């Protein structure tokens, strides 16, 4: 008789993602969030959205 396959341990989905962020970068994002009236997550989203638009503009100029 064969053994059933061993179950692998899956990560808990409700865990928060911890990342190492430079304190100066965190402070800059926090200052941007306060100045614009955003939460931290919406400030990061806005920054990334602006960056994406800039990258698309640069790619269009190159190509």
PDB file of N, CA and C in Angstrom:
ATOM      1  N   UNK A   1       0.823  -1.177   0.000  1.00  0.00           N
ATOM      2  CA  UNK A   1       0.000   0.000   0.000  1.00  0.00           C
ATOM      3  C   UNK A   1       0.874   1.249   0.000  1.00  0.00           C
ATOM      4  N   UNK A   2       0.469   2.232  -0.809  1.00  0.00           N
ATOM      5  CA  UNK A   2       1.249   3.466  -0.880  1.00  0.00           C
ATOM      6  C   UNK A   2       0.734   4.491   0.113  1.00  0.00           C
ATOM      7  N   UNK A   3       1.648   5.332   0.566  1.00  0.00           N
ATOM      8  CA  UNK A   3       1.258   6.432   1.446  1.00  0.00           C
ATOM      9  C   UNK A   3       0.664   7.571   0.624  1.00  0.00           C
ATOM     10  N   UNK A   4      -0.273   8.286   1.186  1.00  0.00           N
ATOM     11  CA  UNK A   4      -0.779   9.464   0.468  1.00  0.00           C
ATOM     12  C   UNK A   4       0.329  10.521   0.402  1.00  0.00           C
ATOM     13  N   UNK A   5       0.300  11.371  -0.602  1.00  0.00           N
ATOM     14  CA  UNK A   5       1.351  12.387  -0.712  1.00  0.00           C
ATOM     15  C   UNK A   5       1.332  13.325   0.493  1.00  0.00           C
ATOM     16  N   UNK A   6       2.526  13.739   0.900  1.00  0.00           N
ATOM     17  CA  UNK A   6       2.623  14.643   2.043  1.00  0.00           C
ATOM     18  C   UNK A   6       2.074  16.009   1.669  1.00  0.00           C
ATOM     19  N   UNK A   7       1.359  16.603   2.575  1.00  0.00           N
ATOM     20  CA  UNK A   7       0.809  17.927   2.318  1.00  0.00           C
ATOM     21  C   UNK A   7       1.884  18.965   2.610  1.00  0.00           C
ATOM     22  N   UNK A   8       1.993  19.905   1.727  1.00  0.00           N
ATOM     23  CA  UNK A   8       2.962  20.974   1.950  1.00  0.00           C
ATOM     24  C   UNK A   8       2.308  22.058   2.795  1.00  0.00           C
ATOM     25  N   UNK A   9       3.116  22.693   3.593  1.00  0.00           N
ATOM     26  CA  UNK A   9       2.591  23.763   4.441  1.00  0.00           C
ATOM     27  C   UNK A   9       2.416  25.015   3.593  1.00  0.00           C
ATOM     28  N   UNK A  10       1.227  25.523   3.545  1.00  0.00           N
ATOM     29  CA  UNK A  10       0.936  26.716   2.770  1.00  0.00           C
ATOM     30  C   UNK A  10       1.037  27.934   3.676  1.00  0.00           C
ATOM     31  N   UNK A  11       1.477  29.056   3.139  1.00  0.00           N
ATOM     32  CA  UNK A  11       1.551  30.266   3.958  1.00  0.00           C
ATOM     33  C   UNK A  11       0.154  30.762   4.322  1.00  0.00           C
ATOM     34  N   UNK A  12       0.054  31.382   5.452  1.00  0.00           N
ATOM     35  CA  UNK A  12      -1.221  31.928   5.900  1.00  0.00           C
ATOM     36  C   UNK A  12      -1.531  33.154   5.049  1.00  0.00           C
ATOM     37  N   UNK A  13      -2.698  33.187   4.459  1.00  0.00           N
ATOM     38  CA  UNK A  13      -3.033  34.276   3.544  1.00  0.00           C
ATOM     39  C   UNK A  13      -3.312  35.585   4.264  1.00  0.00           C
ATOM     40  N   UNK A  14      -3.658  35.523   5.527  1.00  0.00           N
ATOM     41  CA  UNK A  14      -3.998  36.746   6.236  1.00  0.00           C
ATOM     42  C   UNK A  14      -2.765  37.445   6.815  1.00  0.00           C
ATOM     43  N   UNK A  15      -1.589  36.869   6.606  1.00  0.00           N
ATOM     44  CA  UNK A  15      -0.381  37.518   7.107  1.00  0.00           C
ATOM     45  C   UNK A  15      -0.114  38.784   6.320  1.00  0.00           C
ATOM     46  N   UNK A  16       0.443  39.767   6.989  1.00  0.00           N
ATOM     47  CA  UNK A  16       0.824  41.005   6.316  1.00  0.00           C
ATOM     48  C   UNK A  16       2.176  40.813   5.655  1.00  0.00           C
ATOM     49  N   UNK A  17       2.324  41.432   4.528  1.00  0.00           N
ATOM     50  CA  UNK A  17       3.595  41.380   3.835  1.00  0.00           C
ATOM     51  C   UNK A  17       4.530  42.395   4.479  1.00  0.00           C
ATOM     52  N   UNK A  18       5.622  41.923   4.982  1.00  0.00           N
ATOM     53  CA  UNK A  18       6.606  42.812   5.600  1.00  0.00           C
ATOM     54  C   UNK A  18       7.728  43.046   4.611  1.00  0.00           C
ATOM     55  N   UNK A  19       8.078  44.275   4.429  1.00  0.00           N
ATOM     56  CA  UNK A  19       9.146  44.620   3.508  1.00  0.00           C
ATOM     57  C   UNK A  19      10.110  45.574   4.192  1.00  0.00           C
ATOM     58  N   UNK A  20      11.351  45.504   3.768  1.00  0.00           N
ATOM     59  CA  UNK A  20      12.352  46.425   4.298  1.00  0.00           C
ATOM     60  C   UNK A  20      12.318  47.682   3.440  1.00  0.00           C
ATOM     61  N   UNK A  21      11.912  48.777   4.048  1.00  0.00           N
ATOM     62  CA  UNK A  21      11.806  50.040   3.340  1.00  0.00           C
ATOM     63  C   UNK A  21      12.735  51.029   4.023  1.00  0.00           C
ATOM     64  N   UNK A  22      13.481  51.752   3.205  1.00  0.00           N
ATOM     65  CA  UNK A  22      14.371  52.760   3.742  1.00  0.00           C
ATOM     66  C   UNK A  22      13.539  53.804   4.509  1.00  0.00           C
ATOM     67  N   UNK A  23      13.961  54.175   5.706  1.00  0.00           N
ATOM     68  CA  UNK A  23      13.175  55.142   6.488  1.00  0.00           C
ATOM     69  C   UNK A  23      12.945  56.468   5.765  1.00  0.00           C
ATOM     70  N   UNK A  24      13.907  56.913   4.958  1.00  0.00           N
ATOM     71  CA  UNK A  24      13.726  58.167   4.218  1.00  0.00           C
ATOM     72  C   UNK A  24      12.625  58.027   3.169  1.00  0.00           C
ATOM     73  N   UNK A  25      12.555  56.874   2.517  1.00  0.00           N
ATOM     74  CA  UNK A  25      11.509  56.632   1.525  1.00  0.00           C
ATOM     75  C   UNK A  25      10.139  56.563   2.192  1.00  0.00           C
ATOM     76  N   UNK A  26      10.072  55.872   3.318  1.00  0.00           N
ATOM     77  CA  UNK A  26       8.805  55.774   4.057  1.00  0.00           C
ATOM     78  C   UNK A  26       8.337  57.163   4.481  1.00  0.00           C
ATOM     79  N   UNK A  27       9.275  57.988   4.971  1.00  0.00           N
ATOM     80  CA  UNK A  27       8.935  59.352   5.407  1.00  0.00           C
ATOM     81  C   UNK A  27       8.459  60.194   4.225  1.00  0.00           C
ATOM     82  N   UNK A  28       9.091  60.025   3.065  1.00  0.00           N
ATOM     83  CA  UNK A  28       8.690  60.792   1.886  1.00  0.00           C
ATOM     84  C   UNK A  28       7.287  60.402   1.431  1.00  0.00           C
ATOM     85  N   UNK A  29       6.988  59.113   1.429  1.00  0.00           N
ATOM     86  CA  UNK A  29       5.646  58.660   1.034  1.00  0.00           C
ATOM     87  C   UNK A  29       4.618  59.127   2.053  1.00  0.00           C
ATOM     88  N   UNK A  30       4.980  59.060   3.311  1.00  0.00           N
ATOM     89  CA  UNK A  30       4.058  59.524   4.357  1.00  0.00           C
ATOM     90  C   UNK A  30       3.788  61.018   4.225  1.00  0.00           C
ATOM     91  N   UNK A  31       4.822  61.813   3.940  1.00  0.00           N
ATOM     92  CA  UNK A  31       4.644  63.257   3.750  1.00  0.00           C
ATOM     93  C   UNK A  31       3.769  63.536   2.531  1.00  0.00           C
ATOM     94  N   UNK A  32       3.980  62.783   1.444  1.00  0.00           N
ATOM     95  CA  UNK A  32       3.143  62.930   0.249  1.00  0.00           C
ATOM     96  C   UNK A  32       1.697  62.600   0.578  1.00  0.00           C
ATOM     97  N   UNK A  33       1.483  61.527   1.333  1.00  0.00           N
ATOM     98  CA  UNK A  33       0.120  61.111   1.690  1.00  0.00           C
ATOM     99  C   UNK A  33      -0.579  62.186   2.518  1.00  0.00           C
ATOM    100  N   UNK A  34       0.131  62.751   3.459  1.00  0.00           N
ATOM    101  CA  UNK A  34      -0.465  63.791   4.308  1.00  0.00           C
ATOM    102  C   UNK A  34      -0.766  65.039   3.491  1.00  0.00           C
ATOM    103  N   UNK A  35       0.172  65.420   2.618  1.00  0.00           N
ATOM    104  CA  UNK A  35      -0.016  66.630   1.813  1.00  0.00           C
ATOM    105  C   UNK A  35      -1.191  66.505   0.852  1.00  0.00           C
ATOM    106  N   UNK A  36      -1.388  65.325   0.285  1.00  0.00           N
ATOM    107  CA  UNK A  36      -2.456  65.122  -0.699  1.00  0.00           C
ATOM    108  C   UNK A  36      -3.744  64.589  -0.083  1.00  0.00           C
ATOM    109  N   UNK A  37      -3.722  64.253   1.203  1.00  0.00           N
ATOM    110  CA  UNK A  37      -4.916  63.736   1.858  1.00  0.00           C
ATOM    111  C   UNK A  37      -5.193  62.279   1.548  1.00  0.00           C
ATOM    112  N   UNK A  38      -4.149  61.503   1.278  1.00  0.00           N
ATOM    113  CA  UNK A  38      -4.285  60.083   0.968  1.00  0.00           C
ATOM    114  C   UNK A  38      -3.941  59.233   2.189  1.00  0.00           C
ATOM    115  N   UNK A  39      -4.370  57.978   2.140  1.00  0.00           N
ATOM    116  CA  UNK A  39      -3.834  56.995   3.073  1.00  0.00           C
ATOM    117  C   UNK A  39      -2.493  56.554   2.499  1.00  0.00           C
ATOM    118  N   UNK A  40      -1.716  55.797   3.273  1.00  0.00           N
ATOM    119  CA  UNK A  40      -0.423  55.339   2.772  1.00  0.00           C
ATOM    120  C   UNK A  40      -0.587  54.465   1.540  1.00  0.00           C
ATOM    121  N   UNK A  41      -1.543  53.548   1.564  1.00  0.00           N
ATOM    122  CA  UNK A  41      -1.703  52.652   0.419  1.00  0.00           C
ATOM    123  C   UNK A  41      -2.172  53.401  -0.822  1.00  0.00           C
ATOM    124  N   UNK A  42      -3.075  54.368  -0.667  1.00  0.00           N
ATOM    125  CA  UNK A  42      -3.524  55.115  -1.841  1.00  0.00           C
ATOM    126  C   UNK A  42      -2.428  56.051  -2.344  1.00  0.00           C
ATOM    127  N   UNK A  43      -1.551  56.519  -1.453  1.00  0.00           N
ATOM    128  CA  UNK A  43      -0.420  57.337  -1.882  1.00  0.00           C
ATOM    129  C   UNK A  43       0.556  56.510  -2.701  1.00  0.00           C
ATOM    130  N   UNK A  44       0.832  55.296  -2.260  1.00  0.00           N
ATOM    131  CA  UNK A  44       1.724  54.411  -3.019  1.00  0.00           C
ATOM    132  C   UNK A  44       1.108  54.115  -4.378  1.00  0.00           C
ATOM    133  N   UNK A  45      -0.198  53.864  -4.419  1.00  0.00           N
ATOM    134  CA  UNK A  45      -0.880  53.601  -5.684  1.00  0.00           C
ATOM    135  C   UNK A  45      -0.775  54.805  -6.617  1.00  0.00           C
ATOM    136  N   UNK A  46      -0.983  56.013  -6.088  1.00  0.00           N
ATOM    137  CA  UNK A  46      -0.903  57.225  -6.908  1.00  0.00           C
ATOM    138  C   UNK A  46       0.511  57.426  -7.451  1.00  0.00           C
ATOM    139  N   UNK A  47       1.507  57.181  -6.621  1.00  0.00           N
ATOM    140  CA  UNK A  47       2.895  57.320  -7.053  1.00  0.00           C
ATOM    141  C   UNK A  47       3.206  56.322  -8.159  1.00  0.00           C
ATOM    142  N   UNK A  48       2.786  55.085  -7.982  1.00  0.00           N
ATOM    143  CA  UNK A  48       3.037  54.068  -9.001  1.00  0.00           C
ATOM    144  C   UNK A  48       2.277  54.359 -10.296  1.00  0.00           C
ATOM    145  N   UNK A  49       1.080  54.892 -10.182  1.00  0.00           N
ATOM    146  CA  UNK A  49       0.299  55.240 -11.367  1.00  0.00           C
ATOM    147  C   UNK A  49       0.982  56.358 -12.145  1.00  0.00           C
ATOM    148  N   UNK A  50       1.468  57.373 -11.438  1.00  0.00           N
ATOM    149  CA  UNK A  50       2.210  58.450 -12.100  1.00  0.00           C
ATOM    150  C   UNK A  50       3.475  57.923 -12.755  1.00  0.00           C
ATOM    151  N   UNK A  51       4.162  57.028 -12.096  1.00  0.00           N
ATOM    152  CA  UNK A  51       5.388  56.442 -12.651  1.00  0.00           C
ATOM    153  C   UNK A  51       5.067  55.657 -13.923  1.00  0.00           C
ATOM    154  N   UNK A  52       3.973  54.899 -13.899  1.00  0.00           N
ATOM    155  CA  UNK A  52       3.585  54.114 -15.064  1.00  0.00           C
ATOM    156  C   UNK A  52       3.257  55.023 -16.250  1.00  0.00           C
ATOM    157  N   UNK A  53       2.553  56.117 -16.000  1.00  0.00           N
ATOM    158  CA  UNK A  53       2.231  57.061 -17.069  1.00  0.00           C
ATOM    159  C   UNK A  53       3.503  57.656 -17.653  1.00  0.00           C
ATOM    160  N   UNK A  54       4.466  58.003 -16.800  1.00  0.00           N
ATOM    161  CA  UNK A  54       5.734  58.550 -17.258  1.00  0.00           C
ATOM    162  C   UNK A  54       6.497  57.535 -18.104  1.00  0.00           C
ATOM    163  N   UNK A  55       6.501  56.269 -17.676  1.00  0.00           N
ATOM    164  CA  UNK A  55       7.183  55.225 -18.436  1.00  0.00           C
ATOM    165  C   UNK A  55       6.533  55.014 -19.803  1.00  0.00           C
ATOM    166  N   UNK A  56       5.205  55.053 -19.864  1.00  0.00           N
ATOM    167  CA  UNK A  56       4.515  54.919 -21.147  1.00  0.00           C
ATOM    168  C   UNK A  56       4.867  56.084 -22.076  1.00  0.00           C
ATOM    169  N   UNK A  57       4.936  57.281 -21.505  1.00  0.00           N
ATOM    170  CA  UNK A  57       5.284  58.461 -22.283  1.00  0.00           C
ATOM    171  C   UNK A  57       6.698  58.340 -22.819  1.00  0.00           C
ATOM    172  N   UNK A  58       7.618  57.886 -22.008  1.00  0.00           N
ATOM    173  CA  UNK A  58       9.008  57.694 -22.438  1.00  0.00           C
ATOM    174  C   UNK A  58       9.102  56.632 -23.526  1.00  0.00           C
ATOM    175  N   UNK A  59       8.364  55.549 -23.379  1.00  0.00           N
ATOM    176  CA  UNK A  59       8.379  54.483 -24.375  1.00  0.00           C
ATOM    177  C   UNK A  59       7.802  54.963 -25.699  1.00  0.00           C
ATOM    178  N   UNK A  60       6.782  55.794 -25.656  1.00  0.00           N
ATOM    179  CA  UNK A  60       6.183  56.313 -26.880  1.00  0.00           C
ATOM    180  C   UNK A  60       7.141  57.262 -27.596  1.00  0.00           C
ATOM    181  N   UNK A  61       7.899  58.020 -26.846  1.00  0.00           N
ATOM    182  CA  UNK A  61       8.871  58.927 -27.460  1.00  0.00           C
ATOM    183  C   UNK A  61      10.025  58.158 -28.104  1.00  0.00           C
ATOM    184  N   UNK A  62      10.427  57.041 -27.464  1.00  0.00           N
ATOM    185  CA  UNK A  62      11.533  56.239 -27.993  1.00  0.00           C
ATOM    186  C   UNK A  62      11.127  55.469 -29.241  1.00  0.00           C
ATOM    187  N   UNK A  63       9.915  54.950 -29.233  1.00  0.00           N
ATOM    188  CA  UNK A  63       9.528  54.011 -30.273  1.00  0.00           C
ATOM    189  C   UNK A  63       8.814  54.617 -31.383  1.00  0.00           C
TER     190      UNK A  63
END
